[in-house]
């Protein structure tokens, strides 16, 4: 972790194509990040796309 609290990691994006031809994308997140955000299976998250960045917040 850097002195400003920023943590970076490289991940591959998984592309899947459904039966109707639509494409979905997924990125796996480190479990330690989810734990630190106190996100459980029952929680929802808010996902924003701002200034070419994806932001994930606990709802």
PDB file of N, CA and C in Angstrom:
ATOM      1  N   UNK A   1       0.846  -1.170   0.000  1.00  0.00           N
ATOM      2  CA  UNK A   1       0.000   0.000   0.000  1.00  0.00           C
ATOM      3  C   UNK A   1       0.896   1.239   0.000  1.00  0.00           C
ATOM      4  N   UNK A   2       0.550   2.205  -0.844  1.00  0.00           N
ATOM      5  CA  UNK A   2       1.342   3.427  -0.899  1.00  0.00           C
ATOM      6  C   UNK A   2       0.971   4.341   0.258  1.00  0.00           C
ATOM      7  N   UNK A   3       1.727   5.411   0.426  1.00  0.00           N
ATOM      8  CA  UNK A   3       1.496   6.292   1.569  1.00  0.00           C
ATOM      9  C   UNK A   3       0.148   7.013   1.508  1.00  0.00           C
ATOM     10  N   UNK A   4      -0.461   7.116   0.307  1.00  0.00           N
ATOM     11  CA  UNK A   4      -1.780   7.749   0.216  1.00  0.00           C
ATOM     12  C   UNK A   4      -2.916   6.728   0.297  1.00  0.00           C
ATOM     13  N   UNK A   5      -2.592   5.474   0.611  1.00  0.00           N
ATOM     14  CA  UNK A   5      -3.609   4.441   0.773  1.00  0.00           C
ATOM     15  C   UNK A   5      -4.032   3.783  -0.524  1.00  0.00           C
ATOM     16  N   UNK A   6      -3.386   4.120  -1.615  1.00  0.00           N
ATOM     17  CA  UNK A   6      -3.754   3.577  -2.913  1.00  0.00           C
ATOM     18  C   UNK A   6      -3.124   2.206  -3.118  1.00  0.00           C
ATOM     19  N   UNK A   7      -3.925   1.247  -3.563  1.00  0.00           N
ATOM     20  CA  UNK A   7      -3.449  -0.098  -3.865  1.00  0.00           C
ATOM     21  C   UNK A   7      -3.853  -0.411  -5.291  1.00  0.00           C
ATOM     22  N   UNK A   8      -2.915  -0.916  -6.081  1.00  0.00           N
ATOM     23  CA  UNK A   8      -3.197  -1.245  -7.473  1.00  0.00           C
ATOM     24  C   UNK A   8      -2.852  -2.696  -7.732  1.00  0.00           C
ATOM     25  N   UNK A   9      -3.583  -3.297  -8.654  1.00  0.00           N
ATOM     26  CA  UNK A   9      -3.295  -4.653  -9.081  1.00  0.00           C
ATOM     27  C   UNK A   9      -3.730  -4.796 -10.535  1.00  0.00           C
ATOM     28  N   UNK A  10      -3.128  -5.694 -11.265  1.00  0.00           N
ATOM     29  CA  UNK A  10      -3.494  -5.947 -12.662  1.00  0.00           C
ATOM     30  C   UNK A  10      -4.422  -7.160 -12.707  1.00  0.00           C
ATOM     31  N   UNK A  11      -5.477  -7.055 -13.472  1.00  0.00           N
ATOM     32  CA  UNK A  11      -6.441  -8.150 -13.649  1.00  0.00           C
ATOM     33  C   UNK A  11      -6.821  -8.258 -15.107  1.00  0.00           C
ATOM     34  N   UNK A  12      -7.158  -9.455 -15.544  1.00  0.00           N
ATOM     35  CA  UNK A  12      -7.692  -9.648 -16.884  1.00  0.00           C
ATOM     36  C   UNK A  12      -9.199  -9.438 -16.839  1.00  0.00           C
ATOM     37  N   UNK A  13      -9.741  -8.943 -17.927  1.00  0.00           N
ATOM     38  CA  UNK A  13     -11.191  -8.792 -18.058  1.00  0.00           C
ATOM     39  C   UNK A  13     -11.718 -10.034 -18.758  1.00  0.00           C
ATOM     40  N   UNK A  14     -12.768 -10.626 -18.192  1.00  0.00           N
ATOM     41  CA  UNK A  14     -13.372 -11.830 -18.748  1.00  0.00           C
ATOM     42  C   UNK A  14     -14.582 -11.403 -19.576  1.00  0.00           C
ATOM     43  N   UNK A  15     -14.578 -11.751 -20.862  1.00  0.00           N
ATOM     44  CA  UNK A  15     -15.686 -11.448 -21.761  1.00  0.00           C
ATOM     45  C   UNK A  15     -16.478 -12.722 -22.004  1.00  0.00           C
ATOM     46  N   UNK A  16     -17.796 -12.655 -21.854  1.00  0.00           N
ATOM     47  CA  UNK A  16     -18.662 -13.795 -22.140  1.00  0.00           C
ATOM     48  C   UNK A  16     -19.766 -13.350 -23.081  1.00  0.00           C
ATOM     49  N   UNK A  17     -20.161 -14.238 -23.977  1.00  0.00           N
ATOM     50  CA  UNK A  17     -21.232 -13.947 -24.926  1.00  0.00           C
ATOM     51  C   UNK A  17     -22.409 -14.857 -24.615  1.00  0.00           C
ATOM     52  N   UNK A  18     -23.573 -14.247 -24.421  1.00  0.00           N
ATOM     53  CA  UNK A  18     -24.779 -15.003 -24.126  1.00  0.00           C
ATOM     54  C   UNK A  18     -25.403 -15.596 -25.371  1.00  0.00           C
ATOM     55  N   UNK A  19     -26.441 -16.363 -25.178  1.00  0.00           N
ATOM     56  CA  UNK A  19     -27.134 -17.025 -26.275  1.00  0.00           C
ATOM     57  C   UNK A  19     -27.745 -16.064 -27.276  1.00  0.00           C
ATOM     58  N   UNK A  20     -28.086 -14.859 -26.839  1.00  0.00           N
ATOM     59  CA  UNK A  20     -28.688 -13.882 -27.753  1.00  0.00           C
ATOM     60  C   UNK A  20     -27.636 -12.990 -28.415  1.00  0.00           C
ATOM     61  N   UNK A  21     -26.355 -13.262 -28.169  1.00  0.00           N
ATOM     62  CA  UNK A  21     -25.277 -12.517 -28.812  1.00  0.00           C
ATOM     63  C   UNK A  21     -24.763 -11.324 -28.027  1.00  0.00           C
ATOM     64  N   UNK A  22     -25.377 -11.019 -26.874  1.00  0.00           N
ATOM     65  CA  UNK A  22     -24.897  -9.884 -26.076  1.00  0.00           C
ATOM     66  C   UNK A  22     -23.627 -10.277 -25.316  1.00  0.00           C
ATOM     67  N   UNK A  23     -22.771  -9.310 -25.093  1.00  0.00           N
ATOM     68  CA  UNK A  23     -21.498  -9.552 -24.408  1.00  0.00           C
ATOM     69  C   UNK A  23     -21.518  -8.923 -23.027  1.00  0.00           C
ATOM     70  N   UNK A  24     -21.031  -9.666 -22.043  1.00  0.00           N
ATOM     71  CA  UNK A  24     -20.867  -9.174 -20.677  1.00  0.00           C
ATOM     72  C   UNK A  24     -19.389  -9.210 -20.325  1.00  0.00           C
ATOM     73  N   UNK A  25     -18.984  -8.328 -19.414  1.00  0.00           N
ATOM     74  CA  UNK A  25     -17.588  -8.273 -18.971  1.00  0.00           C
ATOM     75  C   UNK A  25     -17.543  -8.399 -17.459  1.00  0.00           C
ATOM     76  N   UNK A  26     -16.510  -9.079 -16.957  1.00  0.00           N
ATOM     77  CA  UNK A  26     -16.335  -9.260 -15.514  1.00  0.00           C
ATOM     78  C   UNK A  26     -14.869  -9.061 -15.152  1.00  0.00           C
ATOM     79  N   UNK A  27     -14.660  -8.554 -13.947  1.00  0.00           N
ATOM     80  CA  UNK A  27     -13.323  -8.419 -13.394  1.00  0.00           C
ATOM     81  C   UNK A  27     -13.388  -8.953 -11.968  1.00  0.00           C
ATOM     82  N   UNK A  28     -12.473  -9.835 -11.599  1.00  0.00           N
ATOM     83  CA  UNK A  28     -12.460 -10.335 -10.224  1.00  0.00           C
ATOM     84  C   UNK A  28     -11.735  -9.341  -9.335  1.00  0.00           C
ATOM     85  N   UNK A  29     -12.223  -9.200  -8.112  1.00  0.00           N
ATOM     86  CA  UNK A  29     -11.632  -8.289  -7.130  1.00  0.00           C
ATOM     87  C   UNK A  29     -10.993  -9.102  -6.017  1.00  0.00           C
ATOM     88  N   UNK A  30      -9.874  -8.637  -5.486  1.00  0.00           N
ATOM     89  CA  UNK A  30      -9.265  -9.358  -4.367  1.00  0.00           C
ATOM     90  C   UNK A  30     -10.213  -9.415  -3.167  1.00  0.00           C
ATOM     91  N   UNK A  31     -10.329 -10.576  -2.559  1.00  0.00           N
ATOM     92  CA  UNK A  31     -11.209 -10.763  -1.400  1.00  0.00           C
ATOM     93  C   UNK A  31     -10.841  -9.812  -0.269  1.00  0.00           C
ATOM     94  N   UNK A  32      -9.552  -9.508  -0.114  1.00  0.00           N
ATOM     95  CA  UNK A  32      -9.128  -8.600   0.953  1.00  0.00           C
ATOM     96  C   UNK A  32      -9.734  -7.201   0.763  1.00  0.00           C
ATOM     97  N   UNK A  33      -9.928  -6.770  -0.485  1.00  0.00           N
ATOM     98  CA  UNK A  33     -10.553  -5.461  -0.734  1.00  0.00           C
ATOM     99  C   UNK A  33     -12.016  -5.491  -0.321  1.00  0.00           C
ATOM    100  N   UNK A  34     -12.704  -6.579  -0.673  1.00  0.00           N
ATOM    101  CA  UNK A  34     -14.122  -6.721  -0.327  1.00  0.00           C
ATOM    102  C   UNK A  34     -14.282  -6.774   1.190  1.00  0.00           C
ATOM    103  N   UNK A  35     -13.400  -7.499   1.859  1.00  0.00           N
ATOM    104  CA  UNK A  35     -13.428  -7.567   3.323  1.00  0.00           C
ATOM    105  C   UNK A  35     -13.218  -6.191   3.943  1.00  0.00           C
ATOM    106  N   UNK A  36     -12.259  -5.444   3.410  1.00  0.00           N
ATOM    107  CA  UNK A  36     -11.966  -4.117   3.954  1.00  0.00           C
ATOM    108  C   UNK A  36     -13.140  -3.154   3.775  1.00  0.00           C
ATOM    109  N   UNK A  37     -13.931  -3.369   2.712  1.00  0.00           N
ATOM    110  CA  UNK A  37     -15.113  -2.530   2.470  1.00  0.00           C
ATOM    111  C   UNK A  37     -16.339  -3.028   3.238  1.00  0.00           C
ATOM    112  N   UNK A  38     -16.177  -4.138   3.983  1.00  0.00           N
ATOM    113  CA  UNK A  38     -17.284  -4.747   4.743  1.00  0.00           C
ATOM    114  C   UNK A  38     -18.472  -5.088   3.851  1.00  0.00           C
ATOM    115  N   UNK A  39     -18.182  -5.659   2.698  1.00  0.00           N
ATOM    116  CA  UNK A  39     -19.233  -6.072   1.765  1.00  0.00           C
ATOM    117  C   UNK A  39     -19.488  -7.561   1.962  1.00  0.00           C
ATOM    118  N   UNK A  40     -20.760  -7.915   2.117  1.00  0.00           N
ATOM    119  CA  UNK A  40     -21.142  -9.321   2.267  1.00  0.00           C
ATOM    120  C   UNK A  40     -21.965  -9.748   1.054  1.00  0.00           C
ATOM    121  N   UNK A  41     -22.299 -11.033   1.005  1.00  0.00           N
ATOM    122  CA  UNK A  41     -23.091 -11.576  -0.103  1.00  0.00           C
ATOM    123  C   UNK A  41     -24.447 -10.892  -0.229  1.00  0.00           C
ATOM    124  N   UNK A  42     -24.974 -10.411   0.882  1.00  0.00           N
ATOM    125  CA  UNK A  42     -26.307  -9.805   0.883  1.00  0.00           C
ATOM    126  C   UNK A  42     -26.300  -8.337   0.430  1.00  0.00           C
ATOM    127  N   UNK A  43     -25.137  -7.718   0.415  1.00  0.00           N
ATOM    128  CA  UNK A  43     -25.039  -6.295   0.081  1.00  0.00           C
ATOM    129  C   UNK A  43     -25.098  -6.048  -1.418  1.00  0.00           C
ATOM    130  N   UNK A  44     -25.537  -4.852  -1.772  1.00  0.00           N
ATOM    131  CA  UNK A  44     -25.454  -4.352  -3.139  1.00  0.00           C
ATOM    132  C   UNK A  44     -24.369  -3.295  -3.177  1.00  0.00           C
ATOM    133  N   UNK A  45     -23.819  -3.058  -4.358  1.00  0.00           N
ATOM    134  CA  UNK A  45     -22.822  -2.011  -4.522  1.00  0.00           C
ATOM    135  C   UNK A  45     -23.279  -1.034  -5.591  1.00  0.00           C
ATOM    136  N   UNK A  46     -22.782   0.198  -5.487  1.00  0.00           N
ATOM    137  CA  UNK A  46     -23.033   1.218  -6.496  1.00  0.00           C
ATOM    138  C   UNK A  46     -21.797   1.287  -7.374  1.00  0.00           C
ATOM    139  N   UNK A  47     -21.992   1.200  -8.692  1.00  0.00           N
ATOM    140  CA  UNK A  47     -20.884   1.250  -9.640  1.00  0.00           C
ATOM    141  C   UNK A  47     -21.049   2.505 -10.485  1.00  0.00           C
ATOM    142  N   UNK A  48     -19.989   3.316 -10.530  1.00  0.00           N
ATOM    143  CA  UNK A  48     -20.008   4.563 -11.303  1.00  0.00           C
ATOM    144  C   UNK A  48     -18.860   4.552 -12.294  1.00  0.00           C
ATOM    145  N   UNK A  49     -19.071   5.245 -13.419  1.00  0.00           N
ATOM    146  CA  UNK A  49     -18.025   5.428 -14.420  1.00  0.00           C
ATOM    147  C   UNK A  49     -17.833   6.928 -14.578  1.00  0.00           C
ATOM    148  N   UNK A  50     -16.728   7.452 -14.002  1.00  0.00           N
ATOM    149  CA  UNK A  50     -16.483   8.893 -13.972  1.00  0.00           C
ATOM    150  C   UNK A  50     -15.051   9.155 -14.437  1.00  0.00           C
ATOM    151  N   UNK A  51     -14.902  10.068 -15.380  1.00  0.00           N
ATOM    152  CA  UNK A  51     -13.579  10.447 -15.866  1.00  0.00           C
ATOM    153  C   UNK A  51     -12.728   9.231 -16.246  1.00  0.00           C
ATOM    154  N   UNK A  52     -13.338   8.293 -16.957  1.00  0.00           N
ATOM    155  CA  UNK A  52     -12.662   7.103 -17.439  1.00  0.00           C
ATOM    156  C   UNK A  52     -12.171   6.181 -16.323  1.00  0.00           C
ATOM    157  N   UNK A  53     -12.829   6.251 -15.148  1.00  0.00           N
ATOM    158  CA  UNK A  53     -12.511   5.380 -14.014  1.00  0.00           C
ATOM    159  C   UNK A  53     -13.773   4.683 -13.542  1.00  0.00           C
ATOM    160  N   UNK A  54     -13.645   3.431 -13.126  1.00  0.00           N
ATOM    161  CA  UNK A  54     -14.756   2.690 -12.550  1.00  0.00           C
ATOM    162  C   UNK A  54     -14.624   2.773 -11.040  1.00  0.00           C
ATOM    163  N   UNK A  55     -15.705   3.206 -10.372  1.00  0.00           N
ATOM    164  CA  UNK A  55     -15.708   3.371  -8.922  1.00  0.00           C
ATOM    165  C   UNK A  55     -16.766   2.443  -8.335  1.00  0.00           C
ATOM    166  N   UNK A  56     -16.384   1.648  -7.341  1.00  0.00           N
ATOM    167  CA  UNK A  56     -17.292   0.724  -6.687  1.00  0.00           C
ATOM    168  C   UNK A  56     -17.443   1.176  -5.234  1.00  0.00           C
ATOM    169  N   UNK A  57     -18.693   1.363  -4.794  1.00  0.00           N
ATOM    170  CA  UNK A  57     -18.976   1.790  -3.422  1.00  0.00           C
ATOM    171  C   UNK A  57     -20.045   0.890  -2.834  1.00  0.00           C
ATOM    172  N   UNK A  58     -19.950   0.636  -1.549  1.00  0.00           N
ATOM    173  CA  UNK A  58     -20.989  -0.104  -0.851  1.00  0.00           C
ATOM    174  C   UNK A  58     -22.232   0.766  -0.788  1.00  0.00           C
ATOM    175  N   UNK A  59     -23.387   0.189  -1.083  1.00  0.00           N
ATOM    176  CA  UNK A  59     -24.652   0.930  -1.084  1.00  0.00           C
ATOM    177  C   UNK A  59     -25.119   1.261   0.299  1.00  0.00           C
TER     178      UNK A  59
END
